[in-house]
Structure formats: structure tokens, C-alpha cells
C-alpha atoms as a PDB file:
ATOM      1  CA  MET A   1     -66.601 -99.129 163.047  1.00  0.00           C
ATOM      2  CA  LYS A   2     -65.733 -95.515 163.752  1.00  0.00           C
ATOM      3  CA  LYS A   3     -67.179 -93.573 166.667  1.00  0.00           C
ATOM      4  CA  TYR A   4     -68.040 -89.889 166.442  1.00  0.00           C
ATOM      5  CA  HIS A   5     -68.083 -87.060 168.938  1.00  0.00           C
ATOM      6  CA  PHE A   6     -68.380 -83.329 168.377  1.00  0.00           C
ATOM      7  CA  ILE A   7     -66.639 -80.242 169.758  1.00  0.00           C
ATOM      8  CA  SER A   8     -68.395 -76.915 170.052  1.00  0.00           C
ATOM      9  CA  GLY A   9     -68.797 -74.081 172.555  1.00  0.00           C
ATOM     10  CA  LEU A  10     -67.237 -70.633 172.649  1.00  0.00           C
ATOM     11  CA  PRO A  11     -64.243 -69.286 170.687  1.00  0.00           C
ATOM     12  CA  ARG A  12     -60.924 -68.526 172.418  1.00  0.00           C
ATOM     13  CA  SER A  13     -61.875 -71.118 175.043  1.00  0.00           C
ATOM     14  CA  GLY A  14     -59.437 -73.974 174.465  1.00  0.00           C
ATOM     15  CA  SER A  15     -60.935 -76.014 171.619  1.00  0.00           C
ATOM     16  CA  THR A  16     -57.672 -75.877 169.630  1.00  0.00           C
ATOM     17  CA  LEU A  17     -55.702 -76.991 172.688  1.00  0.00           C
ATOM     18  CA  LEU A  18     -58.221 -79.771 173.315  1.00  0.00           C
ATOM     19  CA  THR A  19     -57.928 -80.919 169.691  1.00  0.00           C
ATOM     20  CA  SER A  20     -54.139 -81.090 169.984  1.00  0.00           C
ATOM     21  CA  LEU A  21     -54.370 -83.083 173.200  1.00  0.00           C
ATOM     22  CA  LEU A  22     -56.895 -85.538 171.764  1.00  0.00           C
ATOM     23  CA  ASN A  23     -54.602 -86.167 168.805  1.00  0.00           C
ATOM     24  CA  GLN A  24     -51.916 -87.476 171.158  1.00  0.00           C
ATOM     25  CA  ASN A  25     -54.070 -90.579 171.516  1.00  0.00           C
ATOM     26  CA  PRO A  26     -53.361 -92.843 168.501  1.00  0.00           C
ATOM     27  CA  ARG A  27     -56.972 -94.090 168.595  1.00  0.00           C
ATOM     28  CA  PHE A  28     -58.327 -90.558 168.223  1.00  0.00           C
ATOM     29  CA  HIS A  29     -58.445 -88.067 165.372  1.00  0.00           C
ATOM     30  CA  SER A  30     -59.587 -84.496 165.846  1.00  0.00           C
ATOM     31  CA  ARG A  31     -59.566 -81.397 163.637  1.00  0.00           C
ATOM     32  CA  ILE A  32     -60.273 -77.749 164.311  1.00  0.00           C
ATOM     33  CA  SER A  33     -63.306 -76.016 162.830  1.00  0.00           C
ATOM     34  CA  ASN A  34     -64.573 -77.320 159.483  1.00  0.00           C
ATOM     35  CA  PRO A  35     -67.755 -77.009 157.363  1.00  0.00           C
ATOM     36  CA  LEU A  36     -69.348 -80.401 158.111  1.00  0.00           C
ATOM     37  CA  ALA A  37     -72.041 -78.899 160.358  1.00  0.00           C
ATOM     38  CA  ARG A  38     -73.047 -76.580 157.510  1.00  0.00           C
ATOM     39  CA  PHE A  39     -73.233 -79.533 155.127  1.00  0.00           C
ATOM     40  CA  VAL A  40     -75.457 -81.400 157.580  1.00  0.00           C
ATOM     41  CA  LYS A  41     -77.764 -78.419 158.028  1.00  0.00           C
ATOM     42  CA  SER A  42     -78.028 -77.945 154.263  1.00  0.00           C
ATOM     43  CA  VAL A  43     -79.528 -81.427 153.835  1.00  0.00           C
ATOM     44  CA  VAL A  44     -82.649 -80.197 155.623  1.00  0.00           C
ATOM     45  CA  THR A  45     -82.721 -76.626 154.313  1.00  0.00           C
ATOM     46  CA  GLU A  46     -82.248 -77.660 150.683  1.00  0.00           C
ATOM     47  CA  THR A  47     -85.019 -80.244 151.037  1.00  0.00           C
ATOM     48  CA  TYR A  48     -87.452 -77.336 151.246  1.00  0.00           C
ATOM     49  CA  ALA A  49     -85.767 -75.178 148.600  1.00  0.00           C
ATOM     50  CA  GLY A  50     -88.303 -76.016 145.901  1.00  0.00           C
ATOM     51  CA  PRO A  51     -91.881 -77.273 145.467  1.00  0.00           C
ATOM     52  CA  GLY A  52     -92.243 -81.008 145.995  1.00  0.00           C
ATOM     53  CA  TYR A  53     -88.667 -81.511 147.208  1.00  0.00           C
ATOM     54  CA  ALA A  54     -89.795 -82.593 150.683  1.00  0.00           C
ATOM     55  CA  LEU A  55     -92.062 -85.245 149.180  1.00  0.00           C
ATOM     56  CA  GLU A  56     -89.149 -86.694 147.207  1.00  0.00           C
ATOM     57  CA  CYS A  57     -86.734 -86.566 150.142  1.00  0.00           C
ATOM     58  CA  THR A  58     -88.556 -88.044 153.134  1.00  0.00           C
ATOM     59  CA  GLU A  59     -87.550 -87.535 156.752  1.00  0.00           C
ATOM     60  CA  LYS A  60     -86.100 -91.066 156.836  1.00  0.00           C
ATOM     61  CA  MET A  61     -84.027 -90.312 153.744  1.00  0.00           C
ATOM     62  CA  ARG A  62     -82.784 -87.055 155.280  1.00  0.00           C
ATOM     63  CA  SER A  63     -81.641 -88.895 158.391  1.00  0.00           C
ATOM     64  CA  SER A  64     -79.807 -91.492 156.273  1.00  0.00           C
ATOM     65  CA  LEU A  65     -78.204 -88.793 154.128  1.00  0.00           C
ATOM     66  CA  ILE A  66     -76.897 -86.980 157.209  1.00  0.00           C
ATOM     67  CA  LYS A  67     -75.543 -90.192 158.751  1.00  0.00           C
ATOM     68  CA  ASN A  68     -73.811 -91.149 155.500  1.00  0.00           C
ATOM     69  CA  LEU A  69     -72.502 -87.610 155.048  1.00  0.00           C
ATOM     70  CA  ILE A  70     -70.807 -87.601 158.463  1.00  0.00           C
ATOM     71  CA  GLU A  71     -69.347 -91.059 157.897  1.00  0.00           C
ATOM     72  CA  THR A  72     -68.103 -90.190 154.404  1.00  0.00           C
ATOM     73  CA  TYR A  73     -66.524 -86.950 155.606  1.00  0.00           C
ATOM     74  CA  HIS A  74     -64.371 -88.894 158.083  1.00  0.00           C
ATOM     75  CA  GLN A  75     -63.693 -92.030 156.043  1.00  0.00           C
ATOM     76  CA  ASP A  76     -60.128 -91.048 155.106  1.00  0.00           C
ATOM     77  CA  TYR A  77     -59.219 -89.759 158.565  1.00  0.00           C
ATOM     78  CA  PRO A  78     -57.220 -92.079 160.827  1.00  0.00           C
ATOM     79  CA  GLY A  79     -58.364 -93.180 164.238  1.00  0.00           C
ATOM     80  CA  GLU A  80     -61.201 -95.236 165.635  1.00  0.00           C
ATOM     81  CA  VAL A  81     -62.768 -92.211 167.351  1.00  0.00           C
ATOM     82  CA  ASN A  82     -63.267 -89.020 165.358  1.00  0.00           C
ATOM     83  CA  PHE A  83     -63.974 -85.581 166.833  1.00  0.00           C
ATOM     84  CA  ASN A  84     -65.488 -82.897 164.610  1.00  0.00           C
ATOM     85  CA  THR A  85     -65.427 -79.218 165.565  1.00  0.00           C
ATOM     86  CA  ASN A  86     -67.914 -76.493 164.693  1.00  0.00           C
ATOM     87  CA  ARG A  87     -69.607 -73.756 166.748  1.00  0.00           C
ATOM     88  CA  GLY A  88     -72.965 -74.767 165.302  1.00  0.00           C
ATOM     89  CA  TRP A  89     -73.140 -78.378 166.481  1.00  0.00           C
ATOM     90  CA  GLY A  90     -75.138 -77.383 169.555  1.00  0.00           C
ATOM     91  CA  LEU A  91     -78.006 -76.329 167.302  1.00  0.00           C
ATOM     92  CA  LEU A  92     -77.948 -79.705 165.538  1.00  0.00           C
ATOM     93  CA  LEU A  93     -78.106 -81.938 168.609  1.00  0.00           C
ATOM     94  CA  PRO A  94     -81.520 -83.406 167.690  1.00  0.00           C
ATOM     95  CA  MET A  95     -80.072 -84.569 164.352  1.00  0.00           C
ATOM     96  CA  LEU A  96     -76.954 -85.983 166.012  1.00  0.00           C
ATOM     97  CA  ASP A  97     -79.036 -87.791 168.613  1.00  0.00           C
ATOM     98  CA  ASN A  98     -81.084 -89.371 165.834  1.00  0.00           C
ATOM     99  CA  THR A  99     -78.168 -90.433 163.629  1.00  0.00           C
ATOM    100  CA  PHE A 100     -75.507 -91.210 166.256  1.00  0.00           C
ATOM    101  CA  PRO A 101     -77.229 -91.837 169.609  1.00  0.00           C
ATOM    102  CA  ASP A 102     -73.934 -92.542 171.409  1.00  0.00           C
ATOM    103  CA  ALA A 103     -72.226 -89.351 170.198  1.00  0.00           C
ATOM    104  CA  LYS A 104     -71.369 -86.688 172.775  1.00  0.00           C
ATOM    105  CA  LEU A 105     -70.908 -82.923 172.477  1.00  0.00           C
ATOM    106  CA  ILE A 106     -67.891 -81.313 174.142  1.00  0.00           C
ATOM    107  CA  CYS A 107     -68.428 -77.587 174.739  1.00  0.00           C
ATOM    108  CA  CYS A 108     -65.473 -75.374 175.619  1.00  0.00           C
ATOM    109  CA  VAL A 109     -66.383 -72.338 177.741  1.00  0.00           C
ATOM    110  CA  ARG A 110     -64.675 -69.289 179.212  1.00  0.00           C
ATOM    111  CA  ASP A 111     -65.742 -66.057 180.900  1.00  0.00           C
ATOM    112  CA  ILE A 112     -67.042 -63.655 178.235  1.00  0.00           C
ATOM    113  CA  PRO A 113     -64.810 -60.662 179.163  1.00  0.00           C
ATOM    114  CA  TRP A 114     -61.716 -62.859 178.842  1.00  0.00           C
ATOM    115  CA  ILE A 115     -62.855 -64.063 175.424  1.00  0.00           C
ATOM    116  CA  LEU A 116     -63.255 -60.440 174.299  1.00  0.00           C
ATOM    117  CA  ASP A 117     -59.866 -59.674 175.836  1.00  0.00           C
ATOM    118  CA  SER A 118     -58.295 -62.561 173.904  1.00  0.00           C
ATOM    119  CA  PHE A 119     -59.776 -61.355 170.596  1.00  0.00           C
ATOM    120  CA  GLU A 120     -58.554 -57.836 171.346  1.00  0.00           C
ATOM    121  CA  LYS A 121     -55.046 -59.095 172.151  1.00  0.00           C
ATOM    122  CA  LEU A 122     -54.961 -60.907 168.798  1.00  0.00           C
ATOM    123  CA  PHE A 123     -56.109 -57.747 167.008  1.00  0.00           C
ATOM    124  CA  ARG A 124     -53.369 -55.629 168.594  1.00  0.00           C
ATOM    125  CA  ASN A 125     -50.750 -58.289 167.882  1.00  0.00           C
ATOM    126  CA  ASN A 126     -51.563 -58.010 164.156  1.00  0.00           C
ATOM    127  CA  PRO A 127     -51.454 -54.242 163.437  1.00  0.00           C
ATOM    128  CA  PHE A 128     -50.397 -54.730 159.806  1.00  0.00           C
ATOM    129  CA  ASN A 129     -53.048 -57.316 158.932  1.00  0.00           C
ATOM    130  CA  ILE A 130     -56.717 -56.906 158.091  1.00  0.00           C
ATOM    131  CA  SER A 131     -58.796 -59.309 160.154  1.00  0.00           C
ATOM    132  CA  ARG A 132     -61.822 -60.839 158.456  1.00  0.00           C
ATOM    133  CA  LEU A 133     -63.591 -60.854 161.786  1.00  0.00           C
ATOM    134  CA  TYR A 134     -64.619 -57.202 161.469  1.00  0.00           C
ATOM    135  CA  SER A 135     -66.004 -54.854 158.850  1.00  0.00           C
ATOM    136  CA  PRO A 136     -64.112 -51.545 158.371  1.00  0.00           C
ATOM    137  CA  GLU A 137     -66.590 -49.768 160.681  1.00  0.00           C
ATOM    138  CA  GLU A 138     -66.432 -52.497 163.327  1.00  0.00           C
ATOM    139  CA  ARG A 139     -62.643 -52.436 163.294  1.00  0.00           C
ATOM    140  CA  GLU A 140     -62.297 -48.820 164.457  1.00  0.00           C
ATOM    141  CA  THR A 141     -62.050 -49.039 168.274  1.00  0.00           C
ATOM    142  CA  VAL A 142     -61.972 -51.592 171.082  1.00  0.00           C
ATOM    143  CA  TYR A 143     -65.607 -50.686 171.779  1.00  0.00           C
ATOM    144  CA  THR A 144     -66.831 -51.264 168.223  1.00  0.00           C
ATOM    145  CA  ARG A 145     -64.849 -54.491 168.011  1.00  0.00           C
ATOM    146  CA  ALA A 146     -66.351 -55.865 171.239  1.00  0.00           C
ATOM    147  CA  GLU A 147     -69.845 -54.759 170.242  1.00  0.00           C
ATOM    148  CA  ALA A 148     -69.421 -56.435 166.863  1.00  0.00           C
ATOM    149  CA  LEU A 149     -68.332 -59.744 168.387  1.00  0.00           C
ATOM    150  CA  MET A 150     -71.387 -59.701 170.664  1.00  0.00           C
ATOM    151  CA  SER A 151     -73.867 -58.697 167.962  1.00  0.00           C
ATOM    152  CA  PRO A 152     -76.382 -61.323 166.749  1.00  0.00           C
ATOM    153  CA  GLY A 153     -74.841 -63.841 164.363  1.00  0.00           C
ATOM    154  CA  HIS A 154     -71.268 -62.659 164.937  1.00  0.00           C
ATOM    155  CA  SER A 155     -68.180 -64.609 166.014  1.00  0.00           C
ATOM    156  CA  LEU A 156     -68.961 -64.704 169.735  1.00  0.00           C
ATOM    157  CA  ARG A 157     -72.697 -64.067 169.958  1.00  0.00           C
ATOM    158  CA  PHE A 158     -73.652 -66.908 167.593  1.00  0.00           C
ATOM    159  CA  PRO A 159     -71.819 -69.659 169.530  1.00  0.00           C
ATOM    160  CA  TYR A 160     -72.966 -68.068 172.813  1.00  0.00           C
ATOM    161  CA  ASP A 161     -76.619 -68.341 171.766  1.00  0.00           C
ATOM    162  CA  ALA A 162     -76.073 -71.822 170.331  1.00  0.00           C
ATOM    163  CA  LEU A 163     -74.514 -72.982 173.607  1.00  0.00           C
ATOM    164  CA  LYS A 164     -77.403 -71.554 175.599  1.00  0.00           C
ATOM    165  CA  GLU A 165     -79.909 -73.410 173.432  1.00  0.00           C
ATOM    166  CA  ALA A 166     -77.966 -76.662 173.668  1.00  0.00           C
ATOM    167  CA  ILE A 167     -77.450 -76.860 177.429  1.00  0.00           C
ATOM    168  CA  THR A 168     -81.011 -75.838 178.273  1.00  0.00           C
ATOM    169  CA  GLY A 169     -82.570 -78.188 175.719  1.00  0.00           C
ATOM    170  CA  PRO A 170     -83.783 -81.792 175.912  1.00  0.00           C
ATOM    171  CA  HIS A 171     -80.436 -83.265 174.815  1.00  0.00           C
ATOM    172  CA  LYS A 172     -78.274 -81.636 177.495  1.00  0.00           C
ATOM    173  CA  ARG A 173     -77.379 -85.110 178.830  1.00  0.00           C
ATOM    174  CA  LYS A 174     -75.125 -85.460 175.775  1.00  0.00           C
ATOM    175  CA  ILE A 175     -73.043 -82.394 176.705  1.00  0.00           C
ATOM    176  CA  ILE A 176     -69.920 -81.947 178.803  1.00  0.00           C
ATOM    177  CA  LEU A 177     -68.573 -78.460 179.524  1.00  0.00           C
ATOM    178  CA  VAL A 178     -64.808 -77.955 179.481  1.00  0.00           C
ATOM    179  CA  GLY A 179     -63.758 -74.726 181.194  1.00  0.00           C
ATOM    180  CA  TYR A 180     -60.683 -72.947 179.850  1.00  0.00           C
ATOM    181  CA  GLU A 181     -59.183 -72.262 183.272  1.00  0.00           C
ATOM    182  CA  GLN A 182     -59.788 -75.834 184.399  1.00  0.00           C
ATOM    183  CA  LEU A 183     -58.239 -77.262 181.218  1.00  0.00           C
ATOM    184  CA  THR A 184     -55.130 -75.087 181.518  1.00  0.00           C
ATOM    185  CA  THR A 185     -54.630 -75.495 185.286  1.00  0.00           C
ATOM    186  CA  LYS A 186     -55.789 -79.088 185.847  1.00  0.00           C
ATOM    187  CA  PRO A 187     -55.480 -80.746 182.433  1.00  0.00           C
ATOM    188  CA  GLU A 188     -55.245 -84.336 183.637  1.00  0.00           C
ATOM    189  CA  LEU A 189     -58.321 -84.006 185.833  1.00  0.00           C
ATOM    190  CA  VAL A 190     -60.297 -82.511 182.940  1.00  0.00           C
ATOM    191  CA  MET A 191     -59.133 -85.113 180.430  1.00  0.00           C
ATOM    192  CA  ARG A 192     -59.978 -87.989 182.771  1.00  0.00           C
ATOM    193  CA  ALA A 193     -63.481 -86.595 183.210  1.00  0.00           C
ATOM    194  CA  LEU A 194     -63.795 -86.262 179.445  1.00  0.00           C
ATOM    195  CA  TYR A 195     -62.680 -89.848 178.817  1.00  0.00           C
ATOM    196  CA  ASN A 196     -65.163 -91.057 181.392  1.00  0.00           C
ATOM    197  CA  PHE A 197     -67.952 -89.063 179.722  1.00  0.00           C
ATOM    198  CA  ILE A 198     -67.277 -90.500 176.262  1.00  0.00           C
ATOM    199  CA  ASP A 199     -66.727 -93.984 177.744  1.00  0.00           C
ATOM    200  CA  GLU A 200     -63.156 -94.489 176.518  1.00  0.00           C
ATOM    201  CA  PRO A 201     -60.130 -95.943 178.354  1.00  0.00           C
ATOM    202  CA  TYR A 202     -57.831 -93.175 179.577  1.00  0.00           C
ATOM    203  CA  PHE A 203     -54.672 -92.372 177.647  1.00  0.00           C
ATOM    204  CA  GLU A 204     -51.683 -90.848 179.439  1.00  0.00           C
ATOM    205  CA  HIS A 205     -51.273 -87.464 177.776  1.00  0.00           C
ATOM    206  CA  ASP A 206     -48.056 -85.457 177.728  1.00  0.00           C
ATOM    207  CA  PHE A 207     -49.082 -82.013 178.936  1.00  0.00           C
ATOM    208  CA  ASN A 208     -45.527 -80.692 178.562  1.00  0.00           C
ATOM    209  CA  ASN A 209     -45.168 -81.545 174.883  1.00  0.00           C
ATOM    210  CA  VAL A 210     -48.304 -80.481 173.017  1.00  0.00           C
ATOM    211  CA  ILE A 211     -47.997 -80.275 169.238  1.00  0.00           C
ATOM    212  CA  GLY A 212     -50.441 -78.427 167.019  1.00  0.00           C
ATOM    213  CA  ALA A 213     -49.814 -76.593 163.736  1.00  0.00           C
ATOM    214  CA  TYR A 214     -52.717 -74.713 162.163  1.00  0.00           C
ATOM    215  CA  ASP A 215     -50.974 -71.813 160.416  1.00  0.00           C
ATOM    216  CA  GLU A 216     -52.983 -72.284 157.212  1.00  0.00           C
ATOM    217  CA  TYR A 217     -56.204 -71.462 159.085  1.00  0.00           C
ATOM    218  CA  ASP A 218     -54.677 -68.331 160.596  1.00  0.00           C
ATOM    219  CA  LEU A 219     -53.455 -67.183 157.192  1.00  0.00           C
ATOM    220  CA  GLU A 220     -56.925 -67.510 155.689  1.00  0.00           C
ATOM    221  CA  ALA A 221     -58.483 -65.603 158.601  1.00  0.00           C
ATOM    222  CA  GLY A 222     -55.842 -62.867 158.438  1.00  0.00           C
ATOM    223  CA  ILE A 223     -54.988 -63.293 162.137  1.00  0.00           C
ATOM    224  CA  ASN A 224     -51.605 -64.696 163.116  1.00  0.00           C
ATOM    225  CA  GLY A 225     -51.803 -66.690 166.332  1.00  0.00           C
ATOM    226  CA  LEU A 226     -55.536 -67.429 166.137  1.00  0.00           C
ATOM    227  CA  HIS A 227     -54.898 -71.165 166.600  1.00  0.00           C
ATOM    228  CA  LYS A 228     -51.507 -71.066 168.291  1.00  0.00           C
ATOM    229  CA  VAL A 229     -50.943 -73.821 170.844  1.00  0.00           C
ATOM    230  CA  ARG A 230     -48.257 -73.582 173.506  1.00  0.00           C
ATOM    231  CA  THR A 231     -45.998 -76.590 173.992  1.00  0.00           C
ATOM    232  CA  LYS A 232     -46.795 -76.768 177.709  1.00  0.00           C
ATOM    233  CA  VAL A 233     -50.321 -76.709 179.061  1.00  0.00           C
ATOM    234  CA  GLU A 234     -50.399 -73.909 181.603  1.00  0.00           C
ATOM    235  CA  TYR A 235     -52.483 -70.937 182.637  1.00  0.00           C
ATOM    236  CA  THR A 236     -50.851 -67.560 182.123  1.00  0.00           C
ATOM    237  CA  LYS A 237     -52.180 -64.973 184.544  1.00  0.00           C
ATOM    238  CA  ARG A 238     -52.163 -61.384 183.281  1.00  0.00           C
ATOM    239  CA  ASP A 239     -54.086 -58.134 183.519  1.00  0.00           C
ATOM    240  CA  THR A 240     -56.833 -57.456 181.013  1.00  0.00           C
ATOM    241  CA  ILE A 241     -56.285 -54.992 178.183  1.00  0.00           C
ATOM    242  CA  LEU A 242     -59.979 -54.085 178.037  1.00  0.00           C
ATOM    243  CA  PRO A 243     -61.103 -50.705 179.421  1.00  0.00           C
ATOM    244  CA  PRO A 244     -62.790 -51.139 182.838  1.00  0.00           C
ATOM    245  CA  ASP A 245     -66.223 -49.991 181.622  1.00  0.00           C
ATOM    246  CA  LEU A 246     -66.119 -52.478 178.735  1.00  0.00           C
ATOM    247  CA  TRP A 247     -65.121 -55.293 181.092  1.00  0.00           C
ATOM    248  CA  ALA A 248     -68.012 -54.400 183.402  1.00  0.00           C
ATOM    249  CA  ARG A 249     -70.512 -54.255 180.512  1.00  0.00           C
ATOM    250  CA  TYR A 250     -69.909 -57.876 179.532  1.00  0.00           C
ATOM    251  CA  SER A 251     -69.387 -59.380 182.982  1.00  0.00           C
ATOM    252  CA  ASN A 252     -71.714 -61.954 184.580  1.00  0.00           C
ATOM    253  CA  LEU A 253     -72.969 -63.405 181.285  1.00  0.00           C
ATOM    254  CA  GLU A 254     -71.785 -66.926 182.117  1.00  0.00           C
ATOM    255  CA  PHE A 255     -75.222 -68.570 182.333  1.00  0.00           C
ATOM    256  CA  TRP A 256     -73.663 -72.058 182.551  1.00  0.00           C
ATOM    257  CA  LYS A 257     -72.353 -71.279 186.031  1.00  0.00           C
END
């Protein structure tokens, strides 16, 4: 019988690297972001889409549908332990706790200014591409791009709010936070803690030979390098490319600390 765990948290915070590392373990199978969380949410929302629907689809039926949906989605994937990634899983923890009580949520986190810096670096590395992350007006300057990312429902603000709800809610015991700096500077220590949290025997990972190819996702998003994984796990120290006032505006938002 397969086991299921879920990956969420903030963008540009190491979830792609974590996925690539998990896939080194032959018992594991992990993928980067996919629509399963949206499918799960739709089971409940569509139940109330018309008169009488909720009477026909009881709460017990909804729970069974969600459990079967998650299992069916992963049935052709290899591995005994499957990891599913989506920024919205934190908002669905009550459903996951009901359908898969042993499932855990892994949330990748990073300081907000460095996330904005990483998005900005990607934008400047793709001057001849149109990123789907921004509208034409949002795309104009570094200030409008940062403001857009931190606006309600956008690429950074949505997972930020979802993370806040998850780790302050009643199911926080199911969550482990994986810091980007910790993962890239002390990968073995982080991975051992993760294995202990999900109650799996440790696998000796090769942190100098990480393989991950996700070019098709980058092509669809219009951003080359969005899911690029370096061969060696290491932290690259550099100066920020954000203006000082912008850096200061979004500093000290790391509520999880």
C-alpha cells in the first residue's frame, strides 16, 4: 500500500531541489507542482454548485472521493512513498488529516526579500521572454514586480498566507519546515530530520550528484531556469539585486521564526 506526503510552502525556497533529492531514494517518488490540490478542492466546491447537490453527495462520500482521487492520481507512479507538491496543500490540511491521517506536510521556507530577489534575478535573466507571472503593468519595474508578487492571491502572497494559516492551525503537528539556507548548507542534517519526521529509514543521498530536469515546466511558464537544479547541493552567497528601500520594505516578514 502506498504512503502519501505533501510538499508545500513558499516559492523559490528549495522545493524543486528537495523533490530531486527525494527521487534519489528508489522507494520514493516526488514531482514538482501539479493540479491535484485543485482537483481535491473542487470535490467540495462543486458539491455546492447547484441546488440539492450536497444532499446527493454526503460528507462521507466527499471524503471517500478525495481519498480515491489522491490514490488514483498516483497509481501509475513508481515508489512506495509518494510526495505531491502544491502551494495550496496547507489550506487543505483538515481534508488530508481526515483521508490520510499519517500523511505529513513538508513546507519549504526562505526569507521573503531573498525570494523576491530570486524572482527578480530570473526576470532579468530572461529579457527576451514574456513571463506569465506578471501582467504588462506589473512587469514594468522592480517595484511593480515585487508589489505584484506580494499582492493578495499572487505567486508569493498566496503561499505565504496559506503557510501562515497552516502552521498556526490545529494540524500544525503534521508540518515540518525546511529552510532554504539549512537545506543548501547542511543537506544531510535536514534530510535526516525529514526522514525521522515521516518515519522512514534513512537513505544515503548523493549531495554532489543531484539530477532534476523540468524544462517543460519552465517553457510553459515562459521563464528559463525556474526549476533549475544544480548538480551539487551548496549555498551560493551573493549580494542582492533589489534596491535597498525595497529590501527594507519586505524584511522581517518571516513569522515562522
